[in-house]
N, C-alpha and C. Protein backbone atom coordinates (compact mmCIF):
# COMPACT_ATOMS: atom_id res chain seq x y z
N MET A 1 55.70 139.04 -229.67
CA MET A 1 55.06 139.41 -228.63
C MET A 1 54.49 140.87 -229.11
N THR A 2 53.20 140.88 -228.90
CA THR A 2 52.53 142.34 -229.31
C THR A 2 52.15 142.99 -228.14
N LYS A 3 52.67 144.24 -228.19
CA LYS A 3 52.44 145.10 -226.89
C LYS A 3 51.03 145.84 -227.21
N VAL A 4 50.13 145.91 -226.21
CA VAL A 4 48.95 146.48 -226.22
C VAL A 4 48.97 147.72 -225.20
N THR A 5 48.47 148.81 -225.61
CA THR A 5 48.31 149.93 -224.75
C THR A 5 46.79 150.04 -224.30
N VAL A 6 46.62 150.21 -223.02
CA VAL A 6 45.37 150.34 -222.34
C VAL A 6 45.52 151.65 -221.66
N SER A 7 44.44 152.48 -221.87
CA SER A 7 44.31 153.70 -221.18
C SER A 7 43.18 153.79 -220.24
N PHE A 8 43.32 154.51 -219.15
CA PHE A 8 42.23 154.59 -218.10
C PHE A 8 42.34 156.07 -217.50
N THR A 9 41.26 156.40 -217.04
CA THR A 9 41.28 157.76 -216.34
C THR A 9 41.25 157.79 -214.89
N LEU A 10 41.86 158.71 -214.29
CA LEU A 10 41.82 158.90 -212.77
C LEU A 10 41.23 160.29 -212.41
N ASP A 11 40.50 160.38 -211.41
CA ASP A 11 40.09 161.72 -210.89
C ASP A 11 41.04 162.18 -209.98
N SER A 12 41.37 163.46 -210.41
CA SER A 12 42.57 164.22 -209.62
C SER A 12 42.23 164.19 -208.17
N ASP A 13 41.03 164.39 -207.78
CA ASP A 13 40.78 164.52 -206.28
C ASP A 13 40.57 163.07 -205.68
N ARG A 14 39.67 162.16 -206.15
CA ARG A 14 39.39 161.03 -205.61
C ARG A 14 40.51 160.05 -205.75
N ASP A 15 41.25 160.06 -206.83
CA ASP A 15 42.41 159.08 -206.95
C ASP A 15 43.72 159.74 -206.69
N ARG A 16 43.77 160.81 -205.79
CA ARG A 16 45.09 161.46 -205.55
C ARG A 16 46.18 160.62 -205.17
N ARG A 17 45.93 159.67 -204.32
CA ARG A 17 46.95 158.69 -203.74
C ARG A 17 47.45 157.90 -204.86
N ILE A 18 46.57 157.46 -205.87
CA ILE A 18 47.06 156.68 -207.00
C ILE A 18 48.05 157.51 -207.81
N LEU A 19 47.57 158.74 -208.07
CA LEU A 19 48.29 159.67 -209.02
C LEU A 19 49.70 159.98 -208.31
N ARG A 20 49.78 160.24 -207.10
CA ARG A 20 50.94 160.47 -206.47
C ARG A 20 51.89 159.35 -206.48
N TYR A 21 51.35 158.15 -206.21
CA TYR A 21 52.29 156.91 -206.29
C TYR A 21 52.85 156.78 -207.69
N LEU A 22 51.95 156.88 -208.74
CA LEU A 22 52.42 156.62 -210.02
C LEU A 22 53.50 157.69 -210.49
N GLU A 23 53.33 158.98 -209.97
CA GLU A 23 54.26 160.02 -210.28
C GLU A 23 55.52 159.76 -209.60
N SER A 24 55.51 159.10 -208.38
CA SER A 24 56.77 158.98 -207.68
C SER A 24 57.78 157.89 -208.34
N LEU A 25 57.11 157.05 -209.17
CA LEU A 25 57.95 155.93 -209.72
C LEU A 25 58.95 156.40 -210.71
N PRO A 26 60.16 155.67 -210.79
CA PRO A 26 61.09 156.08 -211.74
C PRO A 26 60.62 155.77 -213.21
N ARG A 27 61.02 156.50 -214.02
CA ARG A 27 60.70 156.46 -215.48
C ARG A 27 60.66 154.97 -215.89
N GLY A 28 59.70 154.55 -216.58
CA GLY A 28 59.69 153.10 -217.11
C GLY A 28 59.04 152.15 -216.23
N GLU A 29 58.81 152.46 -214.96
CA GLU A 29 58.21 151.55 -214.01
C GLU A 29 56.77 151.55 -213.66
N LYS A 30 56.16 152.54 -214.37
CA LYS A 30 54.56 152.52 -214.22
C LYS A 30 53.85 151.37 -214.53
N SER A 31 54.14 151.00 -215.76
CA SER A 31 53.51 149.78 -216.31
C SER A 31 53.69 148.52 -215.45
N ALA A 32 54.88 148.21 -214.89
CA ALA A 32 55.12 147.07 -214.14
C ALA A 32 54.41 147.25 -212.89
N ALA A 33 54.24 148.36 -212.25
CA ALA A 33 53.56 148.64 -211.04
C ALA A 33 51.98 148.47 -211.35
N ILE A 34 51.44 148.80 -212.39
CA ILE A 34 50.12 148.67 -212.71
C ILE A 34 49.76 147.23 -212.95
N ARG A 35 50.71 146.40 -213.62
CA ARG A 35 50.49 145.13 -214.03
C ARG A 35 50.47 144.28 -212.63
N GLN A 36 51.41 144.71 -211.70
CA GLN A 36 51.49 143.95 -210.44
C GLN A 36 50.14 144.12 -209.63
N ALA A 37 49.75 145.33 -209.55
CA ALA A 37 48.48 145.72 -208.84
C ALA A 37 47.30 144.95 -209.39
N LEU A 38 47.30 144.89 -210.66
CA LEU A 38 46.06 144.14 -211.31
C LEU A 38 46.24 142.61 -211.11
N ASP A 39 47.43 142.18 -211.27
CA ASP A 39 47.64 140.65 -210.98
C ASP A 39 47.16 140.33 -209.48
N LEU A 40 47.50 141.11 -208.67
CA LEU A 40 47.16 141.02 -207.18
C LEU A 40 45.46 140.98 -207.05
N GLN A 41 45.05 141.84 -207.86
CA GLN A 41 43.53 142.06 -207.70
C GLN A 41 42.84 140.81 -208.16
N ILE A 42 43.30 140.23 -209.31
CA ILE A 42 42.64 139.03 -209.89
C ILE A 42 43.30 137.72 -209.45
N GLY A 43 44.13 137.78 -208.44
CA GLY A 43 44.59 136.59 -207.83
C GLY A 43 45.90 135.96 -208.56
N GLY A 44 46.55 136.62 -209.31
CA GLY A 44 47.73 136.09 -209.96
C GLY A 44 48.91 136.43 -209.21
N GLY A 45 49.80 136.24 -208.54
CA GLY A 45 50.73 136.52 -207.59
C GLY A 45 50.61 136.17 -206.16
N SER A 46 49.36 135.43 -206.02
CA SER A 46 49.16 134.98 -204.69
C SER A 46 49.27 133.42 -204.62
N VAL A 47 48.69 132.85 -203.62
CA VAL A 47 48.72 131.39 -203.41
C VAL A 47 47.62 130.85 -204.45
N THR A 48 48.04 129.87 -205.15
CA THR A 48 47.23 129.31 -206.21
C THR A 48 46.49 128.00 -205.66
N LEU A 49 45.38 127.57 -206.20
CA LEU A 49 44.74 126.32 -205.71
C LEU A 49 45.82 125.17 -205.75
N GLY A 50 46.61 125.18 -206.96
CA GLY A 50 47.67 124.18 -207.06
C GLY A 50 48.54 124.17 -205.84
N ASP A 51 49.04 125.42 -205.34
CA ASP A 51 49.83 125.42 -204.20
C ASP A 51 49.20 124.82 -202.97
N VAL A 52 47.85 125.02 -202.67
CA VAL A 52 47.03 124.59 -201.69
C VAL A 52 47.14 123.14 -201.81
N TYR A 53 46.70 122.62 -202.97
CA TYR A 53 46.67 121.20 -203.15
C TYR A 53 47.94 120.38 -202.87
N GLN A 54 49.07 121.11 -203.28
CA GLN A 54 50.37 120.38 -203.01
C GLN A 54 50.68 120.41 -201.68
N ALA A 55 50.36 121.50 -200.87
CA ALA A 55 50.56 121.48 -199.42
C ALA A 55 49.67 120.46 -198.66
N VAL A 56 48.43 120.16 -199.12
CA VAL A 56 47.81 119.16 -198.51
C VAL A 56 48.19 117.80 -198.77
N LYS A 57 48.59 117.63 -200.06
CA LYS A 57 49.24 116.26 -200.30
C LYS A 57 50.55 116.08 -199.52
N ASP A 58 51.40 117.15 -199.35
CA ASP A 58 52.50 116.95 -198.50
C ASP A 58 52.17 116.66 -197.10
N LEU A 59 51.15 117.17 -196.54
CA LEU A 59 50.80 117.12 -195.22
C LEU A 59 50.05 115.52 -195.05
N GLU A 60 49.37 115.20 -196.06
CA GLU A 60 48.78 113.79 -195.95
C GLU A 60 49.99 112.77 -195.92
N ARG A 61 51.01 112.87 -196.84
CA ARG A 61 52.06 112.03 -196.71
C ARG A 61 52.83 112.00 -195.28
N LYS A 62 52.94 113.20 -194.88
CA LYS A 62 53.68 113.29 -193.57
C LYS A 62 52.89 112.66 -192.40
N VAL A 63 51.51 112.75 -192.48
CA VAL A 63 50.68 112.19 -191.44
C VAL A 63 50.62 110.74 -191.62
N ALA A 64 50.67 110.25 -192.91
CA ALA A 64 50.67 108.90 -193.10
C ALA A 64 51.95 108.21 -192.59
N GLU A 65 53.08 108.94 -192.73
CA GLU A 65 54.40 108.37 -192.50
C GLU A 65 54.41 108.45 -190.87
N ARG A 66 53.86 109.34 -190.30
CA ARG A 66 53.86 109.48 -188.73
C ARG A 66 53.11 108.48 -188.15
N LEU A 67 51.78 108.19 -188.67
CA LEU A 67 50.87 107.22 -188.17
C LEU A 67 51.41 105.83 -188.45
N GLY A 68 52.12 105.55 -189.62
CA GLY A 68 52.71 104.28 -189.79
C GLY A 68 53.76 104.02 -188.69
N GLY A 69 54.53 104.89 -188.47
CA GLY A 69 55.59 104.78 -187.34
C GLY A 69 55.08 104.54 -186.10
N ILE A 70 53.98 105.23 -185.72
CA ILE A 70 53.35 105.12 -184.41
C ILE A 70 52.71 103.79 -184.26
N GLN A 71 51.81 103.30 -185.36
CA GLN A 71 51.30 101.90 -185.44
C GLN A 71 52.26 100.77 -185.34
N GLY A 72 53.41 101.07 -185.83
CA GLY A 72 54.38 99.96 -185.94
C GLY A 72 55.09 99.83 -184.60
N ASN A 73 54.95 100.56 -183.61
CA ASN A 73 55.58 100.71 -182.38
C ASN A 73 54.81 99.68 -181.44
N ASP A 74 55.07 99.75 -180.17
CA ASP A 74 54.36 98.97 -179.15
C ASP A 74 52.93 99.16 -179.12
N ALA A 75 52.25 98.17 -178.82
CA ALA A 75 50.67 98.15 -178.85
C ALA A 75 50.20 99.18 -177.93
N GLY A 76 51.05 99.63 -176.91
CA GLY A 76 50.67 100.44 -175.87
C GLY A 76 50.65 101.92 -176.28
N ASN A 77 51.29 102.29 -177.45
CA ASN A 77 51.23 103.60 -178.08
C ASN A 77 49.81 103.85 -178.70
N ASP A 78 49.45 105.17 -178.53
CA ASP A 78 48.18 105.51 -178.94
C ASP A 78 48.36 105.97 -180.39
N ALA A 79 47.63 105.62 -181.41
CA ALA A 79 47.78 105.95 -182.88
C ALA A 79 47.45 107.53 -182.97
N ARG A 80 46.59 108.00 -182.00
CA ARG A 80 46.08 109.17 -181.93
C ARG A 80 46.92 110.32 -181.16
N ALA A 81 48.13 109.83 -180.82
CA ALA A 81 49.06 110.65 -179.97
C ALA A 81 49.36 111.96 -180.82
N PRO A 82 49.32 113.05 -180.10
CA PRO A 82 49.54 114.44 -180.83
C PRO A 82 50.87 114.48 -181.54
N VAL A 83 50.87 115.11 -182.65
CA VAL A 83 52.00 115.21 -183.50
C VAL A 83 52.52 116.68 -183.21
N ASP A 84 53.87 116.77 -183.07
CA ASP A 84 54.51 118.00 -182.79
C ASP A 84 54.18 119.02 -183.99
N GLU A 85 53.41 120.05 -183.73
CA GLU A 85 52.89 120.95 -184.73
C GLU A 85 53.18 122.24 -184.29
N PRO A 86 53.77 123.21 -185.10
CA PRO A 86 54.15 124.40 -184.73
C PRO A 86 52.90 125.19 -184.36
N VAL A 87 53.02 126.01 -183.45
CA VAL A 87 51.82 126.85 -182.89
C VAL A 87 51.11 127.62 -183.96
N ASP A 88 52.04 128.40 -184.77
CA ASP A 88 51.39 129.13 -185.86
C ASP A 88 50.68 128.37 -186.87
N VAL A 89 51.21 127.18 -187.31
CA VAL A 89 50.44 126.31 -188.17
C VAL A 89 49.15 125.85 -187.57
N ALA A 90 49.12 125.37 -186.30
CA ALA A 90 48.01 125.00 -185.56
C ALA A 90 46.86 126.18 -185.59
N ALA A 91 47.30 127.28 -185.40
CA ALA A 91 46.42 128.43 -185.26
C ALA A 91 45.77 128.78 -186.61
N ASN A 92 46.69 128.68 -187.71
CA ASN A 92 46.07 128.78 -189.08
C ASN A 92 45.15 127.80 -189.43
N LEU A 93 45.42 126.53 -189.16
CA LEU A 93 44.53 125.60 -189.50
C LEU A 93 43.16 125.67 -188.67
N ASP A 94 43.26 125.93 -187.38
CA ASP A 94 42.12 126.21 -186.51
C ASP A 94 41.30 127.25 -187.24
N SER A 95 41.78 128.33 -187.65
CA SER A 95 41.10 129.48 -188.22
C SER A 95 40.41 129.14 -189.62
N LEU A 96 40.74 127.97 -190.10
CA LEU A 96 40.08 127.63 -191.41
C LEU A 96 38.52 127.17 -191.17
N GLY A 97 38.29 126.77 -189.92
CA GLY A 97 36.89 126.39 -189.57
C GLY A 97 36.47 125.09 -190.16
N LEU A 98 37.42 124.24 -190.42
CA LEU A 98 37.02 122.86 -191.13
C LEU A 98 36.62 121.96 -190.11
């Protein structure tokens, strides 16, 4: 593993908050904090497309299992019967605007 040093400049007035934060960190933790901030900025440390895809596939499986159970019951049951869905999940799905 090769270590690479990257330098950048900060303006003492405009970047005062950043400077104070970096100065408050214990010795040896500045690089980790900067890496974490950059990872968050470029999307590294957040939910990935793979995570979303896996969640969708899990949801599809659960819906298929639920519909299979409903359709296998009496003919009087409606296959479109509501599925018990947590309120917060329903709100998050509704906010997607799909």
